[in-house]
Amino acid sequence: MPVTSGLYATGLVTPEYRQRPLPVPPGALDLLLIRHGQSQPYTGTPFPVAGGHGDPPLSALGTRQAERVSDRLASAGLHAIYVTTLQRTAQTAAPLAARLGLAPAVEADLREVNLGEWEAGLYRKMVAENHPIARRMFAEERWDVIPGAESLVSFDGRVRAAIGRLLAAHAGQRVAAFTHGGVIGQVLSLAASSRPFAFNGADNGSISRVIVTPDRWWVRGYNDTAHLETMD
């Protein structure tokens, strides 16, 4: 609506159409997606496995990143905190949860994509060494190029289901989900109708944001690391 006065009807005042921020639709889920902090390095010894997924704890840097995330989101007006079945997300959420007095809930379907034969740390080595299968994976933008890895159809389905449950439980609320790089990439690619890997690569401890309604998802932020910029 234009900003006017009583003089508008006389033609003496020009209406003003101002730029305004995008409003969050009533009943929408305002979802912050936080990638877990840096986990311990892979040194050739397989990580512990939980539910078929490598489950390393945070590194010392990852623990410090978790504290910075807590500082950043302490006044964000969160109604709930979610983590996955993997310990690095729970460890990253812990400082914020303690600060706000919120008990994190587990949403298992926001766990990382399963990497098949490259689970438990081997994926990092293969990508770092530019293995031919890794090159093909990035070129084709699908995980199941890796032997035994989860298909994009399976991954897409469970991520969609998880976001649907969060919307049903928290319509009209802001929620923080501590999750994984592949999941963040999948959620944002769905929201933007983009290539499957277009949003892969979120940094550890970064914050992304989507607005979710039953009919539409909006990307409102990706890979925000302002709270980490002074870290080593």
C-alpha atoms as a PDB file:
ATOM      1  CA  MET A   1       0.000   0.000   0.000  1.00  0.00           C
ATOM      2  CA  PRO A   2       1.275   3.546  -0.734  1.00  0.00           C
ATOM      3  CA  VAL A   3       2.078   5.964   2.095  1.00  0.00           C
ATOM      4  CA  THR A   4      -0.270   8.935   1.661  1.00  0.00           C
ATOM      5  CA  SER A   5      -1.894  11.776   3.546  1.00  0.00           C
ATOM      6  CA  GLY A   6      -5.214  13.537   3.325  1.00  0.00           C
ATOM      7  CA  LEU A   7      -3.728  15.717   0.598  1.00  0.00           C
ATOM      8  CA  TYR A   8      -3.415  12.721  -1.743  1.00  0.00           C
ATOM      9  CA  ALA A   9      -6.962  13.176  -3.001  1.00  0.00           C
ATOM     10  CA  THR A  10      -6.100  16.731  -4.061  1.00  0.00           C
ATOM     11  CA  GLY A  11      -3.169  15.578  -6.159  1.00  0.00           C
ATOM     12  CA  LEU A  12      -0.682  17.571  -4.013  1.00  0.00           C
ATOM     13  CA  VAL A  13       1.084  14.497  -2.551  1.00  0.00           C
ATOM     14  CA  THR A  14       2.802  11.763  -4.545  1.00  0.00           C
ATOM     15  CA  PRO A  15       2.233   8.252  -3.133  1.00  0.00           C
ATOM     16  CA  GLU A  16       5.371   6.409  -1.975  1.00  0.00           C
ATOM     17  CA  TYR A  17       5.884   2.708  -2.693  1.00  0.00           C
ATOM     18  CA  ARG A  18       8.705   1.676  -0.417  1.00  0.00           C
ATOM     19  CA  GLN A  19      10.861  -1.438  -0.526  1.00  0.00           C
ATOM     20  CA  ARG A  20      10.091  -3.776   2.345  1.00  0.00           C
ATOM     21  CA  PRO A  21      11.607  -7.003   3.634  1.00  0.00           C
ATOM     22  CA  LEU A  22       9.981 -10.249   2.572  1.00  0.00           C
ATOM     23  CA  PRO A  23       7.432 -11.117   5.276  1.00  0.00           C
ATOM     24  CA  VAL A  24       7.356 -14.612   6.721  1.00  0.00           C
ATOM     25  CA  PRO A  25       3.931 -15.999   5.743  1.00  0.00           C
ATOM     26  CA  PRO A  26       1.580 -16.766   8.647  1.00  0.00           C
ATOM     27  CA  GLY A  27       1.975 -20.355   9.783  1.00  0.00           C
ATOM     28  CA  ALA A  28       5.306 -20.838   8.003  1.00  0.00           C
ATOM     29  CA  LEU A  29       8.290 -22.625   9.519  1.00  0.00           C
ATOM     30  CA  ASP A  30      11.328 -20.339   9.827  1.00  0.00           C
ATOM     31  CA  LEU A  31      14.103 -22.921   9.738  1.00  0.00           C
ATOM     32  CA  LEU A  32      17.759 -22.292  10.539  1.00  0.00           C
ATOM     33  CA  LEU A  33      20.049 -25.048   9.281  1.00  0.00           C
ATOM     34  CA  ILE A  34      23.358 -25.177  11.138  1.00  0.00           C
ATOM     35  CA  ARG A  35      26.121 -27.403   9.870  1.00  0.00           C
ATOM     36  CA  HIS A  36      27.910 -29.157  12.722  1.00  0.00           C
ATOM     37  CA  GLY A  37      31.338 -27.923  13.758  1.00  0.00           C
ATOM     38  CA  GLN A  38      34.502 -29.407  12.359  1.00  0.00           C
ATOM     39  CA  SER A  39      34.843 -33.089  13.292  1.00  0.00           C
ATOM     40  CA  GLN A  40      38.028 -34.971  14.027  1.00  0.00           C
ATOM     41  CA  PRO A  41      40.291 -35.721  11.060  1.00  0.00           C
ATOM     42  CA  TYR A  42      40.402 -39.052   9.284  1.00  0.00           C
ATOM     43  CA  THR A  43      43.827 -40.633   9.656  1.00  0.00           C
ATOM     44  CA  GLY A  44      43.218 -44.011   8.041  1.00  0.00           C
ATOM     45  CA  THR A  45      41.507 -45.584  11.038  1.00  0.00           C
ATOM     46  CA  PRO A  46      37.748 -45.820  10.410  1.00  0.00           C
ATOM     47  CA  PHE A  47      35.520 -43.636  12.523  1.00  0.00           C
ATOM     48  CA  PRO A  48      33.025 -45.270  14.893  1.00  0.00           C
ATOM     49  CA  VAL A  49      29.787 -46.091  13.067  1.00  0.00           C
ATOM     50  CA  ALA A  50      26.237 -45.278  14.198  1.00  0.00           C
ATOM     51  CA  GLY A  51      23.353 -46.638  12.149  1.00  0.00           C
ATOM     52  CA  GLY A  52      25.601 -47.209   9.171  1.00  0.00           C
ATOM     53  CA  HIS A  53      27.093 -43.709   9.238  1.00  0.00           C
ATOM     54  CA  GLY A  54      30.548 -42.601  10.308  1.00  0.00           C
ATOM     55  CA  ASP A  55      30.202 -40.887  13.679  1.00  0.00           C
ATOM     56  CA  PRO A  56      33.309 -38.870  14.590  1.00  0.00           C
ATOM     57  CA  PRO A  57      33.169 -36.374  17.470  1.00  0.00           C
ATOM     58  CA  LEU A  58      34.024 -32.701  17.114  1.00  0.00           C
ATOM     59  CA  SER A  59      37.611 -31.553  16.914  1.00  0.00           C
ATOM     60  CA  ALA A  60      38.908 -28.853  19.264  1.00  0.00           C
ATOM     61  CA  LEU A  61      38.147 -26.262  16.580  1.00  0.00           C
ATOM     62  CA  GLY A  62      34.661 -27.706  16.150  1.00  0.00           C
ATOM     63  CA  THR A  63      34.000 -27.252  19.857  1.00  0.00           C
ATOM     64  CA  ARG A  64      34.998 -23.594  19.622  1.00  0.00           C
ATOM     65  CA  GLN A  65      32.784 -23.182  16.563  1.00  0.00           C
ATOM     66  CA  ALA A  66      29.866 -24.555  18.579  1.00  0.00           C
ATOM     67  CA  GLU A  67      30.383 -21.826  21.174  1.00  0.00           C
ATOM     68  CA  ARG A  68      30.368 -19.166  18.465  1.00  0.00           C
ATOM     69  CA  VAL A  69      27.123 -20.569  17.071  1.00  0.00           C
ATOM     70  CA  SER A  70      25.636 -20.322  20.561  1.00  0.00           C
ATOM     71  CA  ASP A  71      26.685 -16.678  20.841  1.00  0.00           C
ATOM     72  CA  ARG A  72      25.177 -15.914  17.433  1.00  0.00           C
ATOM     73  CA  LEU A  73      21.805 -17.605  17.984  1.00  0.00           C
ATOM     74  CA  ALA A  74      21.210 -16.917  21.678  1.00  0.00           C
ATOM     75  CA  SER A  75      18.806 -14.071  20.865  1.00  0.00           C
ATOM     76  CA  ALA A  76      17.356 -15.531  17.644  1.00  0.00           C
ATOM     77  CA  GLY A  77      13.978 -16.304  19.197  1.00  0.00           C
ATOM     78  CA  LEU A  78      14.179 -20.078  18.790  1.00  0.00           C
ATOM     79  CA  HIS A  79      11.271 -22.264  19.788  1.00  0.00           C
ATOM     80  CA  ALA A  80      13.034 -25.614  19.383  1.00  0.00           C
ATOM     81  CA  ILE A  81      16.381 -27.235  18.594  1.00  0.00           C
ATOM     82  CA  TYR A  82      16.818 -30.401  16.569  1.00  0.00           C
ATOM     83  CA  VAL A  83      19.840 -32.652  16.103  1.00  0.00           C
ATOM     84  CA  THR A  84      20.457 -35.858  14.173  1.00  0.00           C
ATOM     85  CA  THR A  85      21.477 -39.320  15.320  1.00  0.00           C
ATOM     86  CA  LEU A  86      25.164 -38.447  14.845  1.00  0.00           C
ATOM     87  CA  GLN A  87      27.119 -37.066  17.774  1.00  0.00           C
ATOM     88  CA  ARG A  88      28.755 -34.147  15.988  1.00  0.00           C
ATOM     89  CA  THR A  89      25.380 -32.414  15.634  1.00  0.00           C
ATOM     90  CA  ALA A  90      24.450 -32.941  19.284  1.00  0.00           C
ATOM     91  CA  GLN A  91      27.854 -31.657  20.384  1.00  0.00           C
ATOM     92  CA  THR A  92      27.483 -28.554  18.218  1.00  0.00           C
ATOM     93  CA  ALA A  93      24.000 -27.833  19.555  1.00  0.00           C
ATOM     94  CA  ALA A  94      24.903 -28.414  23.203  1.00  0.00           C
ATOM     95  CA  PRO A  95      26.146 -24.907  24.143  1.00  0.00           C
ATOM     96  CA  LEU A  96      23.093 -23.212  22.639  1.00  0.00           C
ATOM     97  CA  ALA A  97      20.675 -25.732  24.129  1.00  0.00           C
ATOM     98  CA  ALA A  98      22.166 -25.239  27.594  1.00  0.00           C
ATOM     99  CA  ARG A  99      22.062 -21.476  27.221  1.00  0.00           C
ATOM    100  CA  LEU A 100      18.397 -21.426  26.187  1.00  0.00           C
ATOM    101  CA  GLY A 101      17.212 -24.284  28.395  1.00  0.00           C
ATOM    102  CA  LEU A 102      15.895 -26.192  25.371  1.00  0.00           C
ATOM    103  CA  ALA A 103      16.259 -29.966  25.205  1.00  0.00           C
ATOM    104  CA  PRO A 104      17.270 -30.922  21.644  1.00  0.00           C
ATOM    105  CA  ALA A 105      14.937 -33.299  19.845  1.00  0.00           C
ATOM    106  CA  VAL A 106      16.275 -35.901  17.417  1.00  0.00           C
ATOM    107  CA  GLU A 107      15.148 -35.892  13.785  1.00  0.00           C
ATOM    108  CA  ALA A 108      16.813 -39.002  12.384  1.00  0.00           C
ATOM    109  CA  ASP A 109      15.997 -38.261   8.754  1.00  0.00           C
ATOM    110  CA  LEU A 110      18.188 -35.148   8.818  1.00  0.00           C
ATOM    111  CA  ARG A 111      21.268 -37.366   9.219  1.00  0.00           C
ATOM    112  CA  GLU A 112      23.936 -37.143   6.522  1.00  0.00           C
ATOM    113  CA  VAL A 113      23.657 -38.928   3.191  1.00  0.00           C
ATOM    114  CA  ASN A 114      24.938 -42.496   3.493  1.00  0.00           C
ATOM    115  CA  LEU A 115      28.193 -42.921   1.586  1.00  0.00           C
ATOM    116  CA  GLY A 116      28.160 -46.698   1.246  1.00  0.00           C
ATOM    117  CA  GLU A 117      31.649 -48.171   0.915  1.00  0.00           C
ATOM    118  CA  TRP A 118      33.146 -44.734   1.525  1.00  0.00           C
ATOM    119  CA  GLU A 119      31.627 -44.295   4.990  1.00  0.00           C
ATOM    120  CA  ALA A 120      33.569 -43.908   8.257  1.00  0.00           C
ATOM    121  CA  GLY A 121      36.044 -41.353   6.869  1.00  0.00           C
ATOM    122  CA  LEU A 122      37.151 -42.921   3.589  1.00  0.00           C
ATOM    123  CA  TYR A 123      35.105 -40.373   1.589  1.00  0.00           C
ATOM    124  CA  ARG A 124      37.427 -37.594   2.750  1.00  0.00           C
ATOM    125  CA  LYS A 125      40.493 -39.450   1.513  1.00  0.00           C
ATOM    126  CA  MET A 126      38.976 -40.316  -1.850  1.00  0.00           C
ATOM    127  CA  VAL A 127      37.851 -36.745  -2.516  1.00  0.00           C
ATOM    128  CA  ALA A 128      41.189 -35.293  -1.395  1.00  0.00           C
ATOM    129  CA  GLU A 129      43.007 -37.680  -3.743  1.00  0.00           C
ATOM    130  CA  ASN A 130      40.665 -36.827  -6.650  1.00  0.00           C
ATOM    131  CA  HIS A 131      39.623 -40.437  -7.123  1.00  0.00           C
ATOM    132  CA  PRO A 132      37.916 -41.105 -10.487  1.00  0.00           C
ATOM    133  CA  ILE A 133      34.673 -42.073  -8.748  1.00  0.00           C
ATOM    134  CA  ALA A 134      34.758 -38.813  -6.796  1.00  0.00           C
ATOM    135  CA  ARG A 135      35.234 -36.868 -10.024  1.00  0.00           C
ATOM    136  CA  ARG A 136      32.290 -38.695 -11.578  1.00  0.00           C
ATOM    137  CA  MET A 137      30.148 -38.072  -8.472  1.00  0.00           C
ATOM    138  CA  PHE A 138      30.660 -34.329  -8.704  1.00  0.00           C
ATOM    139  CA  ALA A 139      30.192 -34.284 -12.476  1.00  0.00           C
ATOM    140  CA  GLU A 140      26.921 -36.235 -12.344  1.00  0.00           C
ATOM    141  CA  GLU A 141      25.790 -34.686  -9.034  1.00  0.00           C
ATOM    142  CA  ARG A 142      24.610 -37.900  -7.437  1.00  0.00           C
ATOM    143  CA  TRP A 143      25.881 -39.777  -4.423  1.00  0.00           C
ATOM    144  CA  ASP A 144      25.192 -43.328  -5.578  1.00  0.00           C
ATOM    145  CA  VAL A 145      28.113 -43.261  -8.000  1.00  0.00           C
ATOM    146  CA  ILE A 146      29.919 -44.384  -4.835  1.00  0.00           C
ATOM    147  CA  PRO A 147      29.410 -48.151  -4.415  1.00  0.00           C
ATOM    148  CA  GLY A 148      26.560 -48.780  -1.987  1.00  0.00           C
ATOM    149  CA  ALA A 149      25.815 -45.101  -1.393  1.00  0.00           C
ATOM    150  CA  GLU A 150      22.328 -43.695  -0.896  1.00  0.00           C
ATOM    151  CA  SER A 151      20.431 -42.720  -4.033  1.00  0.00           C
ATOM    152  CA  LEU A 152      19.276 -39.172  -4.593  1.00  0.00           C
ATOM    153  CA  VAL A 153      15.671 -40.426  -4.656  1.00  0.00           C
ATOM    154  CA  SER A 154      16.047 -41.980  -1.194  1.00  0.00           C
ATOM    155  CA  PHE A 155      17.907 -38.985   0.218  1.00  0.00           C
ATOM    156  CA  ASP A 156      15.415 -36.529  -1.258  1.00  0.00           C
ATOM    157  CA  GLY A 157      12.480 -38.484   0.158  1.00  0.00           C
ATOM    158  CA  ARG A 158      13.687 -38.655   3.724  1.00  0.00           C
ATOM    159  CA  VAL A 159      14.827 -35.022   3.803  1.00  0.00           C
ATOM    160  CA  ARG A 160      11.447 -33.868   2.476  1.00  0.00           C
ATOM    161  CA  ALA A 161       9.700 -36.014   5.090  1.00  0.00           C
ATOM    162  CA  ALA A 162      11.812 -34.562   7.899  1.00  0.00           C
ATOM    163  CA  ILE A 163      11.113 -30.968   6.871  1.00  0.00           C
ATOM    164  CA  GLY A 164       7.417 -31.805   6.625  1.00  0.00           C
ATOM    165  CA  ARG A 165       7.414 -33.082  10.203  1.00  0.00           C
ATOM    166  CA  LEU A 166       9.172 -29.946  11.441  1.00  0.00           C
ATOM    167  CA  LEU A 167       6.581 -27.776   9.684  1.00  0.00           C
ATOM    168  CA  ALA A 168       3.714 -29.776  11.183  1.00  0.00           C
ATOM    169  CA  ALA A 169       5.169 -29.455  14.683  1.00  0.00           C
ATOM    170  CA  HIS A 170       6.327 -25.825  14.493  1.00  0.00           C
ATOM    171  CA  ALA A 171       4.062 -23.864  12.152  1.00  0.00           C
ATOM    172  CA  GLY A 172       4.574 -20.165  12.817  1.00  0.00           C
ATOM    173  CA  GLN A 173       7.794 -20.750  14.774  1.00  0.00           C
ATOM    174  CA  ARG A 174      11.551 -20.436  14.316  1.00  0.00           C
ATOM    175  CA  VAL A 175      13.523 -23.649  14.743  1.00  0.00           C
ATOM    176  CA  ALA A 176      17.234 -24.496  14.613  1.00  0.00           C
ATOM    177  CA  ALA A 177      18.240 -27.829  13.089  1.00  0.00           C
ATOM    178  CA  PHE A 178      21.848 -28.887  13.609  1.00  0.00           C
ATOM    179  CA  THR A 179      22.593 -31.106  10.658  1.00  0.00           C
ATOM    180  CA  HIS A 180      25.079 -31.951   7.882  1.00  0.00           C
ATOM    181  CA  GLY A 181      26.500 -30.437   4.723  1.00  0.00           C
ATOM    182  CA  GLY A 182      24.766 -32.838   2.365  1.00  0.00           C
ATOM    183  CA  VAL A 183      21.403 -32.275   4.043  1.00  0.00           C
ATOM    184  CA  ILE A 184      21.756 -28.499   3.889  1.00  0.00           C
ATOM    185  CA  GLY A 185      22.634 -28.752   0.219  1.00  0.00           C
ATOM    186  CA  GLN A 186      19.599 -30.940  -0.440  1.00  0.00           C
ATOM    187  CA  VAL A 187      17.147 -28.698   1.418  1.00  0.00           C
ATOM    188  CA  LEU A 188      18.342 -25.569  -0.370  1.00  0.00           C
ATOM    189  CA  SER A 189      18.399 -27.226  -3.781  1.00  0.00           C
ATOM    190  CA  LEU A 190      14.781 -28.298  -3.223  1.00  0.00           C
ATOM    191  CA  ALA A 191      13.804 -24.793  -2.142  1.00  0.00           C
ATOM    192  CA  ALA A 192      15.521 -23.212  -5.144  1.00  0.00           C
ATOM    193  CA  SER A 193      14.667 -25.951  -7.678  1.00  0.00           C
ATOM    194  CA  SER A 194      18.382 -25.968  -8.509  1.00  0.00           C
ATOM    195  CA  ARG A 195      20.936 -28.575  -9.526  1.00  0.00           C
ATOM    196  CA  PRO A 196      21.315 -31.300  -6.863  1.00  0.00           C
ATOM    197  CA  PHE A 197      24.770 -30.170  -5.707  1.00  0.00           C
ATOM    198  CA  ALA A 198      24.343 -26.412  -6.245  1.00  0.00           C
ATOM    199  CA  PHE A 199      24.351 -25.684  -2.497  1.00  0.00           C
ATOM    200  CA  ASN A 200      26.780 -28.368  -1.355  1.00  0.00           C
ATOM    201  CA  GLY A 201      29.808 -27.123   0.550  1.00  0.00           C
ATOM    202  CA  ALA A 202      28.335 -25.260   3.531  1.00  0.00           C
ATOM    203  CA  ASP A 203      31.130 -24.524   5.991  1.00  0.00           C
ATOM    204  CA  ASN A 204      31.336 -26.100   9.432  1.00  0.00           C
ATOM    205  CA  GLY A 205      29.390 -23.984  11.910  1.00  0.00           C
ATOM    206  CA  SER A 206      27.621 -22.041   9.148  1.00  0.00           C
ATOM    207  CA  ILE A 207      23.980 -20.969   9.284  1.00  0.00           C
ATOM    208  CA  SER A 208      21.552 -21.233   6.374  1.00  0.00           C
ATOM    209  CA  ARG A 209      17.873 -20.316   6.419  1.00  0.00           C
ATOM    210  CA  VAL A 210      14.732 -21.449   4.631  1.00  0.00           C
ATOM    211  CA  ILE A 211      11.090 -20.468   5.027  1.00  0.00           C
ATOM    212  CA  VAL A 212       8.759 -23.445   4.639  1.00  0.00           C
ATOM    213  CA  THR A 213       5.017 -23.564   3.956  1.00  0.00           C
ATOM    214  CA  PRO A 214       2.964 -26.536   2.758  1.00  0.00           C
ATOM    215  CA  ASP A 215       3.038 -25.121  -0.774  1.00  0.00           C
ATOM    216  CA  ARG A 216       6.421 -23.435  -1.140  1.00  0.00           C
ATOM    217  CA  TRP A 217       9.945 -23.162   0.289  1.00  0.00           C
ATOM    218  CA  TRP A 218      12.092 -19.999   0.120  1.00  0.00           C
ATOM    219  CA  VAL A 219      15.881 -19.720   0.454  1.00  0.00           C
ATOM    220  CA  ARG A 220      16.590 -16.779   2.768  1.00  0.00           C
ATOM    221  CA  GLY A 221      20.253 -17.358   3.577  1.00  0.00           C
ATOM    222  CA  TYR A 222      23.169 -19.668   2.812  1.00  0.00           C
ATOM    223  CA  ASN A 223      26.492 -20.368   4.526  1.00  0.00           C
ATOM    224  CA  ASP A 224      26.472 -17.406   6.920  1.00  0.00           C
ATOM    225  CA  THR A 225      29.792 -17.550   8.794  1.00  0.00           C
ATOM    226  CA  ALA A 226      30.029 -13.989  10.145  1.00  0.00           C
ATOM    227  CA  HIS A 227      30.263 -15.369  13.705  1.00  0.00           C
ATOM    228  CA  LEU A 228      33.326 -17.454  12.736  1.00  0.00           C
ATOM    229  CA  GLU A 229      35.362 -14.900  10.823  1.00  0.00           C
ATOM    230  CA  THR A 230      37.943 -14.200  13.550  1.00  0.00           C
ATOM    231  CA  MET A 231      38.661 -17.869  14.263  1.00  0.00           C
ATOM    232  CA  ASP A 232      41.900 -19.604  13.291  1.00  0.00           C
END
